[in-house]
């Protein structure tokens, strides 16, 4: 194999693995609460990745019109740049607005103190429904629907 073919093959392999990483880094999980999805957003996050995640969520919402709530967990993200919190604040506003226009209630969990400050400085903290973690958000949704866990 000549060097040009080898480079082409390596680029194709890298592209394939990047696609796999993008698909698995923001899975959409069905919840125990009907018509609710969970989205743990983990790892390195920049504006391009957030745009891909928003697109993935909107496409899923379009294909699953019964979805009423989306719980997004930001507790395990790592921001790409110094201005990452500001970028994430902007992307979060877009994601929240897009979900609401699709008729989906966006619920955010897992904010870090730095991100909380950016949300407050950006003036959008009061527009966001947020809880400490998935469990708290799901408990609120279950209470609203009159659901509870029972122990045997």
N, C-alpha and C. Protein backbone atom coordinates (compact mmCIF):
# COMPACT_ATOMS: atom_id res chain seq x y z
N UNK A 1 0.85 -1.17 0.00
CA UNK A 1 0.00 0.00 0.00
C UNK A 1 0.90 1.23 0.00
N UNK A 2 0.58 2.17 -0.88
CA UNK A 2 1.41 3.38 -0.95
C UNK A 2 0.98 4.35 0.16
N UNK A 3 1.82 5.34 0.47
CA UNK A 3 1.53 6.27 1.58
C UNK A 3 0.20 7.03 1.42
N UNK A 4 -0.15 7.40 0.20
CA UNK A 4 -1.40 8.13 -0.02
C UNK A 4 -2.60 7.26 0.33
N UNK A 5 -2.59 6.00 -0.10
CA UNK A 5 -3.68 5.09 0.22
C UNK A 5 -3.75 4.83 1.72
N UNK A 6 -2.59 4.71 2.35
CA UNK A 6 -2.55 4.47 3.79
C UNK A 6 -3.14 5.65 4.57
N UNK A 7 -2.79 6.86 4.15
CA UNK A 7 -3.33 8.06 4.79
C UNK A 7 -4.84 8.12 4.60
N UNK A 8 -5.32 7.83 3.41
CA UNK A 8 -6.75 7.83 3.14
C UNK A 8 -7.47 6.81 4.02
N UNK A 9 -6.88 5.63 4.14
CA UNK A 9 -7.48 4.59 4.98
C UNK A 9 -7.48 5.01 6.45
N UNK A 10 -6.40 5.59 6.92
CA UNK A 10 -6.33 6.05 8.31
C UNK A 10 -7.36 7.16 8.59
N UNK A 11 -7.52 8.08 7.64
CA UNK A 11 -8.52 9.14 7.80
C UNK A 11 -9.92 8.56 7.88
N UNK A 12 -10.21 7.55 7.07
CA UNK A 12 -11.52 6.91 7.10
C UNK A 12 -11.74 6.20 8.44
N UNK A 13 -10.71 5.57 8.96
CA UNK A 13 -10.79 4.89 10.26
C UNK A 13 -11.04 5.91 11.37
N UNK A 14 -10.32 7.02 11.35
CA UNK A 14 -10.51 8.07 12.34
C UNK A 14 -11.93 8.62 12.28
N UNK A 15 -12.43 8.88 11.08
CA UNK A 15 -13.79 9.40 10.91
C UNK A 15 -14.81 8.41 11.47
N UNK A 16 -14.60 7.13 11.25
CA UNK A 16 -15.51 6.10 11.75
C UNK A 16 -15.53 6.11 13.28
N UNK A 17 -14.35 6.18 13.89
CA UNK A 17 -14.28 6.20 15.36
C UNK A 17 -14.83 7.50 15.94
N UNK A 18 -14.64 8.61 15.27
CA UNK A 18 -15.23 9.87 15.73
C UNK A 18 -16.75 9.78 15.73
N UNK A 19 -17.31 9.15 14.71
CA UNK A 19 -18.76 8.99 14.64
C UNK A 19 -19.26 8.10 15.78
N UNK A 20 -18.54 7.04 16.07
CA UNK A 20 -18.92 6.14 17.17
C UNK A 20 -18.86 6.89 18.50
N UNK A 21 -17.81 7.67 18.71
CA UNK A 21 -17.66 8.43 19.95
C UNK A 21 -18.80 9.44 20.07
N UNK A 22 -19.12 10.13 18.99
CA UNK A 22 -20.21 11.12 19.02
C UNK A 22 -21.55 10.46 19.35
N UNK A 23 -21.80 9.29 18.79
CA UNK A 23 -23.06 8.60 19.03
C UNK A 23 -23.18 8.12 20.46
N UNK A 24 -22.09 7.62 21.02
CA UNK A 24 -22.16 7.04 22.36
C UNK A 24 -21.92 8.05 23.47
N UNK A 25 -21.44 9.23 23.16
CA UNK A 25 -21.12 10.20 24.21
C UNK A 25 -22.33 10.98 24.70
N UNK A 26 -23.45 10.87 24.06
CA UNK A 26 -24.68 11.51 24.52
C UNK A 26 -25.86 10.59 24.19
N UNK A 27 -25.94 9.47 24.91
CA UNK A 27 -27.04 8.54 24.63
C UNK A 27 -28.38 9.11 25.07
N UNK A 28 -29.42 8.71 24.37
CA UNK A 28 -30.78 9.07 24.77
C UNK A 28 -31.39 7.80 25.36
N UNK A 29 -31.76 7.90 26.64
CA UNK A 29 -32.20 6.74 27.40
C UNK A 29 -33.67 6.90 27.79
N UNK A 30 -34.45 5.86 27.57
CA UNK A 30 -35.85 5.88 28.03
C UNK A 30 -35.85 5.85 29.55
N UNK A 31 -36.76 6.57 30.13
CA UNK A 31 -36.85 6.68 31.59
C UNK A 31 -37.90 5.73 32.14
N UNK A 32 -37.85 5.52 33.45
CA UNK A 32 -38.91 4.75 34.11
C UNK A 32 -40.20 5.56 34.18
N UNK A 33 -40.08 6.86 34.01
CA UNK A 33 -41.24 7.74 33.97
C UNK A 33 -41.70 7.81 32.51
N UNK A 34 -42.94 7.45 32.25
CA UNK A 34 -43.46 7.44 30.88
C UNK A 34 -43.23 8.77 30.18
N UNK A 35 -42.95 8.69 28.88
CA UNK A 35 -42.80 9.85 28.01
C UNK A 35 -41.67 10.79 28.44
N UNK A 36 -40.68 10.24 29.10
CA UNK A 36 -39.53 11.01 29.57
C UNK A 36 -38.25 10.33 29.08
N UNK A 37 -37.31 11.16 28.62
CA UNK A 37 -36.01 10.65 28.21
C UNK A 37 -34.93 11.26 29.10
N UNK A 38 -33.85 10.51 29.24
CA UNK A 38 -32.69 10.95 30.02
C UNK A 38 -31.51 11.10 29.07
N UNK A 39 -30.76 12.19 29.26
CA UNK A 39 -29.61 12.44 28.40
C UNK A 39 -28.40 12.80 29.26
N UNK A 40 -27.57 11.81 29.58
CA UNK A 40 -26.33 12.13 30.28
C UNK A 40 -25.31 12.65 29.26
N UNK A 41 -24.86 13.87 29.47
CA UNK A 41 -23.89 14.47 28.56
C UNK A 41 -22.54 14.43 29.26
N UNK A 42 -21.63 13.62 28.73
CA UNK A 42 -20.36 13.38 29.41
C UNK A 42 -19.18 13.72 28.52
N UNK A 43 -18.07 14.02 29.17
CA UNK A 43 -16.81 14.20 28.46
C UNK A 43 -16.57 15.59 27.93
N UNK A 44 -15.59 15.67 27.08
CA UNK A 44 -15.15 16.92 26.46
C UNK A 44 -16.28 17.55 25.66
N UNK A 45 -16.53 18.83 25.92
CA UNK A 45 -17.65 19.49 25.27
C UNK A 45 -17.22 20.83 24.70
N UNK A 46 -17.47 21.01 23.42
CA UNK A 46 -17.25 22.31 22.78
C UNK A 46 -18.52 22.67 22.01
N UNK A 47 -18.52 23.81 21.36
CA UNK A 47 -19.73 24.28 20.69
C UNK A 47 -20.16 23.31 19.58
N UNK A 48 -19.24 22.79 18.82
CA UNK A 48 -19.59 21.86 17.73
C UNK A 48 -20.28 20.62 18.28
N UNK A 49 -19.76 20.09 19.38
CA UNK A 49 -20.37 18.90 19.97
C UNK A 49 -21.76 19.22 20.52
N UNK A 50 -21.91 20.37 21.17
CA UNK A 50 -23.22 20.74 21.68
C UNK A 50 -24.23 20.90 20.55
N UNK A 51 -23.80 21.43 19.43
CA UNK A 51 -24.70 21.55 18.27
C UNK A 51 -25.13 20.17 17.79
N UNK A 52 -24.19 19.21 17.77
CA UNK A 52 -24.53 17.84 17.37
C UNK A 52 -25.51 17.21 18.35
N UNK A 53 -25.31 17.46 19.64
CA UNK A 53 -26.20 16.91 20.66
C UNK A 53 -27.60 17.52 20.50
N UNK A 54 -27.67 18.83 20.29
CA UNK A 54 -28.98 19.48 20.08
C UNK A 54 -29.68 18.89 18.87
N UNK A 55 -28.95 18.71 17.80
CA UNK A 55 -29.53 18.13 16.58
C UNK A 55 -30.04 16.71 16.84
N UNK A 56 -29.24 15.93 17.55
CA UNK A 56 -29.64 14.55 17.87
C UNK A 56 -30.92 14.52 18.69
N UNK A 57 -31.02 15.40 19.68
CA UNK A 57 -32.21 15.45 20.53
C UNK A 57 -33.43 15.87 19.72
N UNK A 58 -33.27 16.88 18.87
CA UNK A 58 -34.40 17.34 18.05
C UNK A 58 -34.86 16.26 17.08
N UNK A 59 -33.93 15.56 16.45
CA UNK A 59 -34.31 14.49 15.54
C UNK A 59 -35.04 13.38 16.29
N UNK A 60 -34.55 13.05 17.47
CA UNK A 60 -35.22 12.04 18.29
C UNK A 60 -36.63 12.50 18.66
N UNK A 61 -36.75 13.76 19.08
CA UNK A 61 -38.05 14.31 19.44
C UNK A 61 -39.01 14.28 18.26
N UNK A 62 -38.50 14.56 17.07
CA UNK A 62 -39.34 14.52 15.88
C UNK A 62 -39.83 13.12 15.57
N UNK A 63 -39.01 12.12 15.87
CA UNK A 63 -39.38 10.73 15.60
C UNK A 63 -40.21 10.12 16.73
N UNK A 64 -40.18 10.74 17.91
CA UNK A 64 -40.88 10.21 19.09
C UNK A 64 -41.75 11.31 19.68
N UNK A 65 -42.85 11.59 19.01
CA UNK A 65 -43.70 12.74 19.35
C UNK A 65 -44.40 12.60 20.70
N UNK A 66 -44.34 11.43 21.32
CA UNK A 66 -44.97 11.22 22.62
C UNK A 66 -44.11 11.74 23.78
N UNK A 67 -42.87 12.10 23.51
CA UNK A 67 -41.97 12.57 24.58
C UNK A 67 -42.50 13.88 25.15
N UNK A 68 -42.62 13.92 26.46
CA UNK A 68 -43.10 15.11 27.17
C UNK A 68 -42.00 15.83 27.94
N UNK A 69 -41.00 15.07 28.43
CA UNK A 69 -39.94 15.65 29.26
C UNK A 69 -38.59 15.08 28.85
N UNK A 70 -37.57 15.94 28.95
CA UNK A 70 -36.19 15.52 28.70
C UNK A 70 -35.34 16.00 29.87
N UNK A 71 -34.70 15.06 30.54
CA UNK A 71 -33.83 15.39 31.67
C UNK A 71 -32.38 15.29 31.17
N UNK A 72 -31.70 16.42 31.17
CA UNK A 72 -30.33 16.50 30.67
C UNK A 72 -29.37 16.66 31.84
N UNK A 73 -28.38 15.76 31.91
CA UNK A 73 -27.42 15.76 33.02
C UNK A 73 -26.07 16.30 32.54
N UNK A 74 -25.65 17.41 33.16
CA UNK A 74 -24.39 18.07 32.80
C UNK A 74 -23.29 17.84 33.83
N UNK A 75 -23.48 16.90 34.74
CA UNK A 75 -22.53 16.73 35.84
C UNK A 75 -21.17 16.18 35.42
N UNK A 76 -21.08 15.54 34.27
CA UNK A 76 -19.81 14.92 33.86
C UNK A 76 -19.20 15.55 32.61
N UNK A 77 -19.55 16.79 32.30
CA UNK A 77 -18.95 17.41 31.13
C UNK A 77 -17.63 18.07 31.49
N UNK A 78 -16.80 18.19 30.50
CA UNK A 78 -15.54 18.91 30.60
C UNK A 78 -15.55 19.93 29.48
N UNK A 79 -15.37 21.19 29.84
CA UNK A 79 -15.45 22.25 28.84
C UNK A 79 -14.15 22.40 28.08
N UNK A 80 -14.28 22.74 26.80
CA UNK A 80 -13.16 22.75 25.88
C UNK A 80 -12.24 23.94 26.03
N UNK A 81 -12.77 25.06 26.40
CA UNK A 81 -11.96 26.27 26.38
C UNK A 81 -12.24 27.12 27.61
N UNK A 82 -11.44 28.16 27.78
CA UNK A 82 -11.61 29.06 28.91
C UNK A 82 -13.00 29.68 28.93
N UNK A 83 -13.52 30.01 27.79
CA UNK A 83 -14.85 30.62 27.68
C UNK A 83 -15.94 29.56 27.54
N UNK A 84 -15.63 28.32 27.90
CA UNK A 84 -16.56 27.22 27.73
C UNK A 84 -17.88 27.37 28.46
N UNK A 85 -17.85 27.95 29.66
CA UNK A 85 -19.10 28.13 30.42
C UNK A 85 -20.04 29.08 29.71
N UNK A 86 -19.50 30.13 29.11
CA UNK A 86 -20.34 31.08 28.37
C UNK A 86 -20.93 30.41 27.13
N UNK A 87 -20.11 29.62 26.43
CA UNK A 87 -20.61 28.90 25.26
C UNK A 87 -21.71 27.93 25.67
N UNK A 88 -21.48 27.23 26.79
CA UNK A 88 -22.45 26.25 27.25
C UNK A 88 -23.75 26.93 27.66
N UNK A 89 -23.67 28.11 28.25
CA UNK A 89 -24.86 28.87 28.61
C UNK A 89 -25.68 29.20 27.37
N UNK A 90 -25.01 29.66 26.33
CA UNK A 90 -25.70 29.99 25.07
C UNK A 90 -26.32 28.73 24.46
N UNK A 91 -25.56 27.65 24.41
CA UNK A 91 -26.07 26.40 23.84
C UNK A 91 -27.24 25.87 24.66
N UNK A 92 -27.18 26.04 25.96
CA UNK A 92 -28.27 25.60 26.82
C UNK A 92 -29.54 26.38 26.56
N UNK A 93 -29.41 27.68 26.34
CA UNK A 93 -30.58 28.50 25.98
C UNK A 93 -31.20 27.99 24.70
N UNK A 94 -30.37 27.71 23.71
CA UNK A 94 -30.87 27.20 22.43
C UNK A 94 -31.57 25.85 22.62
N UNK A 95 -30.93 24.95 23.37
CA UNK A 95 -31.49 23.63 23.59
C UNK A 95 -32.83 23.72 24.31
N UNK A 96 -32.91 24.56 25.33
CA UNK A 96 -34.14 24.74 26.09
C UNK A 96 -35.25 25.27 25.18
N UNK A 97 -34.94 26.28 24.39
CA UNK A 97 -35.94 26.87 23.49
C UNK A 97 -36.40 25.87 22.44
N UNK A 98 -35.46 25.13 21.87
CA UNK A 98 -35.82 24.14 20.84
C UNK A 98 -36.72 23.06 21.41
N UNK A 99 -36.38 22.55 22.58
CA UNK A 99 -37.20 21.51 23.20
C UNK A 99 -38.59 22.04 23.51
N UNK A 100 -38.67 23.25 24.06
CA UNK A 100 -39.98 23.82 24.38
C UNK A 100 -40.83 24.00 23.13
N UNK A 101 -40.22 24.42 22.02
CA UNK A 101 -40.97 24.57 20.78
C UNK A 101 -41.47 23.23 20.24
N UNK A 102 -40.79 22.14 20.63
CA UNK A 102 -41.22 20.80 20.25
C UNK A 102 -42.26 20.26 21.23
N UNK A 103 -42.60 21.05 22.25
CA UNK A 103 -43.58 20.62 23.24
C UNK A 103 -42.98 19.74 24.33
N UNK A 104 -41.67 19.81 24.50
CA UNK A 104 -40.98 18.98 25.49
C UNK A 104 -40.49 19.86 26.64
N UNK A 105 -40.71 19.40 27.84
CA UNK A 105 -40.27 20.09 29.04
C UNK A 105 -38.79 19.77 29.31
N UNK A 106 -37.91 20.76 29.16
CA UNK A 106 -36.49 20.51 29.43
C UNK A 106 -36.20 20.67 30.93
N UNK A 107 -35.56 19.66 31.49
CA UNK A 107 -35.16 19.69 32.89
C UNK A 107 -33.66 19.44 32.92
N UNK A 108 -32.93 20.33 33.58
CA UNK A 108 -31.47 20.25 33.62
C UNK A 108 -31.00 19.82 35.01
N UNK A 109 -30.01 18.96 35.04
CA UNK A 109 -29.44 18.52 36.32
C UNK A 109 -27.92 18.51 36.23
N UNK A 110 -27.29 18.54 37.41
CA UNK A 110 -25.85 18.35 37.50
C UNK A 110 -24.99 19.56 37.18
N UNK A 111 -25.49 20.76 37.41
CA UNK A 111 -24.69 21.95 37.13
C UNK A 111 -23.55 22.10 38.13
N UNK A 112 -22.40 22.53 37.64
CA UNK A 112 -21.26 22.83 38.50
C UNK A 112 -21.38 24.27 39.01
N UNK A 113 -20.68 24.61 40.10
CA UNK A 113 -20.74 25.99 40.60
C UNK A 113 -20.32 27.03 39.55
N UNK A 114 -19.30 26.75 38.76
CA UNK A 114 -18.87 27.68 37.73
C UNK A 114 -19.98 27.90 36.70
N UNK A 115 -20.63 26.84 36.30
CA UNK A 115 -21.69 26.95 35.32
C UNK A 115 -22.90 27.68 35.90
N UNK A 116 -23.19 27.45 37.17
CA UNK A 116 -24.29 28.16 37.84
C UNK A 116 -24.03 29.66 37.80
N UNK A 117 -22.82 30.06 38.08
CA UNK A 117 -22.48 31.49 38.03
C UNK A 117 -22.70 32.07 36.64
N UNK A 118 -22.30 31.33 35.61
CA UNK A 118 -22.49 31.81 34.24
C UNK A 118 -23.98 31.93 33.90
N UNK A 119 -24.79 30.99 34.37
CA UNK A 119 -26.23 31.06 34.12
C UNK A 119 -26.83 32.28 34.80
N UNK A 120 -26.37 32.56 36.00
CA UNK A 120 -26.86 33.74 36.72
C UNK A 120 -26.38 35.01 36.03
N UNK A 121 -25.10 35.07 35.68
CA UNK A 121 -24.56 36.25 34.98
C UNK A 121 -25.22 36.45 33.62
N UNK A 122 -25.59 35.35 32.97
CA UNK A 122 -26.25 35.44 31.68
C UNK A 122 -27.72 35.79 31.78
N UNK A 123 -28.24 35.84 33.00
CA UNK A 123 -29.63 36.24 33.21
C UNK A 123 -30.66 35.18 32.85
N UNK A 124 -30.25 33.91 32.75
CA UNK A 124 -31.22 32.88 32.35
C UNK A 124 -31.50 31.87 33.45
N UNK A 125 -30.89 32.05 34.61
CA UNK A 125 -31.05 31.06 35.68
C UNK A 125 -32.51 30.82 36.05
N UNK A 126 -33.31 31.86 36.06
CA UNK A 126 -34.72 31.72 36.44
C UNK A 126 -35.57 31.07 35.35
N UNK A 127 -35.03 30.96 34.15
CA UNK A 127 -35.78 30.36 33.04
C UNK A 127 -35.59 28.85 32.95
N UNK A 128 -34.69 28.32 33.77
CA UNK A 128 -34.31 26.91 33.66
C UNK A 128 -34.84 26.13 34.85
N UNK A 129 -35.50 25.03 34.56
CA UNK A 129 -35.91 24.11 35.62
C UNK A 129 -34.73 23.18 35.87
N UNK A 130 -34.22 23.20 37.08
CA UNK A 130 -33.04 22.38 37.37
C UNK A 130 -33.14 21.71 38.74
N UNK A 131 -32.44 20.60 38.85
CA UNK A 131 -32.36 19.82 40.08
C UNK A 131 -30.92 19.34 40.23
N UNK A 132 -30.61 18.83 41.41
CA UNK A 132 -29.24 18.41 41.70
C UNK A 132 -28.81 17.22 40.84
N UNK A 133 -29.72 16.26 40.60
CA UNK A 133 -29.34 15.04 39.89
C UNK A 133 -30.56 14.38 39.23
N UNK A 134 -30.31 13.30 38.49
CA UNK A 134 -31.39 12.57 37.83
C UNK A 134 -32.46 12.13 38.83
N UNK A 135 -32.03 11.59 39.94
CA UNK A 135 -32.97 11.06 40.93
C UNK A 135 -33.96 12.12 41.39
N UNK A 136 -33.46 13.31 41.71
CA UNK A 136 -34.35 14.40 42.16
C UNK A 136 -35.34 14.79 41.07
N UNK A 137 -34.86 14.93 39.85
CA UNK A 137 -35.74 15.31 38.74
C UNK A 137 -36.79 14.25 38.48
N UNK A 138 -36.39 12.99 38.49
CA UNK A 138 -37.35 11.91 38.26
C UNK A 138 -38.37 11.82 39.40
N UNK A 139 -37.93 12.10 40.62
CA UNK A 139 -38.87 12.07 41.75
C UNK A 139 -39.94 13.15 41.58
N UNK A 140 -39.56 14.33 41.12
CA UNK A 140 -40.52 15.41 40.86
C UNK A 140 -41.52 14.97 39.79
N UNK A 141 -41.01 14.41 38.70
CA UNK A 141 -41.90 13.96 37.62
C UNK A 141 -42.84 12.86 38.11
N UNK A 142 -42.31 11.93 38.89
CA UNK A 142 -43.15 10.85 39.42
C UNK A 142 -44.23 11.41 40.34
N UNK A 143 -43.88 12.34 41.20
CA UNK A 143 -44.87 12.96 42.09
C UNK A 143 -45.97 13.66 41.31
N UNK A 144 -45.58 14.37 40.24
CA UNK A 144 -46.56 15.07 39.42
C UNK A 144 -47.53 14.09 38.74
N UNK A 145 -47.06 12.90 38.44
CA UNK A 145 -47.89 11.91 37.76
C UNK A 145 -48.57 10.95 38.75
N UNK A 146 -48.36 11.21 40.03
CA UNK A 146 -48.96 10.35 41.04
C UNK A 146 -48.33 8.98 41.12
N UNK A 147 -47.07 8.87 40.76
CA UNK A 147 -46.36 7.59 40.77
C UNK A 147 -45.45 7.53 41.98
N UNK A 148 -45.17 6.30 42.42
CA UNK A 148 -44.21 6.12 43.51
C UNK A 148 -43.63 4.72 43.43
N UNK A 149 -42.47 4.57 44.05
CA UNK A 149 -41.87 3.26 44.18
C UNK A 149 -42.44 2.60 45.42
N UNK A 150 -42.64 1.32 45.34
CA UNK A 150 -43.08 0.60 46.53
C UNK A 150 -42.03 -0.46 46.83
N UNK A 151 -41.76 -0.66 48.11
CA UNK A 151 -40.80 -1.69 48.49
C UNK A 151 -41.56 -2.94 48.88
N UNK A 152 -40.97 -4.07 48.61
CA UNK A 152 -41.61 -5.36 48.90
C UNK A 152 -41.22 -5.84 50.26
